[in-house]
Amino acid sequence: MTRILIQYLLPLVAPSAVYVMWLLYSRYRANKVGDVAPAFTRGGFFWALLLGGVLLVASLATMAVMGGVDPDSGVYEAPRLENGEIIGPSYTPADNTGDSPGGNE
């Protein structure tokens, strides 16, 4: 659980938390001086989130169109438990000799 927090959540949450703390401080300072408080949508964070969402959708669409293999291109065997040992997943490409993708029948 600690590894997940350090490797995944901390790099995502820490910059956001620092920015939000800076935004709150700058609003406090602006109110104290009587200046206009900065808006969330005027800063770079809003546009970074928006651009990140656009890039996410674009990369997922690109991977869906360009990646992967044909459905009948081989045989996938799911991970299984045999004699108390976990056997990992495997993928066997089908040979192009006209045989069925199941292999030796």
Foldseek 3Di string as FASTA:
>chain_A
DVCCCVVPVCVVVVVVVVVVVVLVVQQVVCVVVVHDRDDPCVDPVVVVVVVVVVVVVVVVVCCVVPHDDDPQQADKDPWDADPNDIDHIDTDGADPPPDGRVPDD
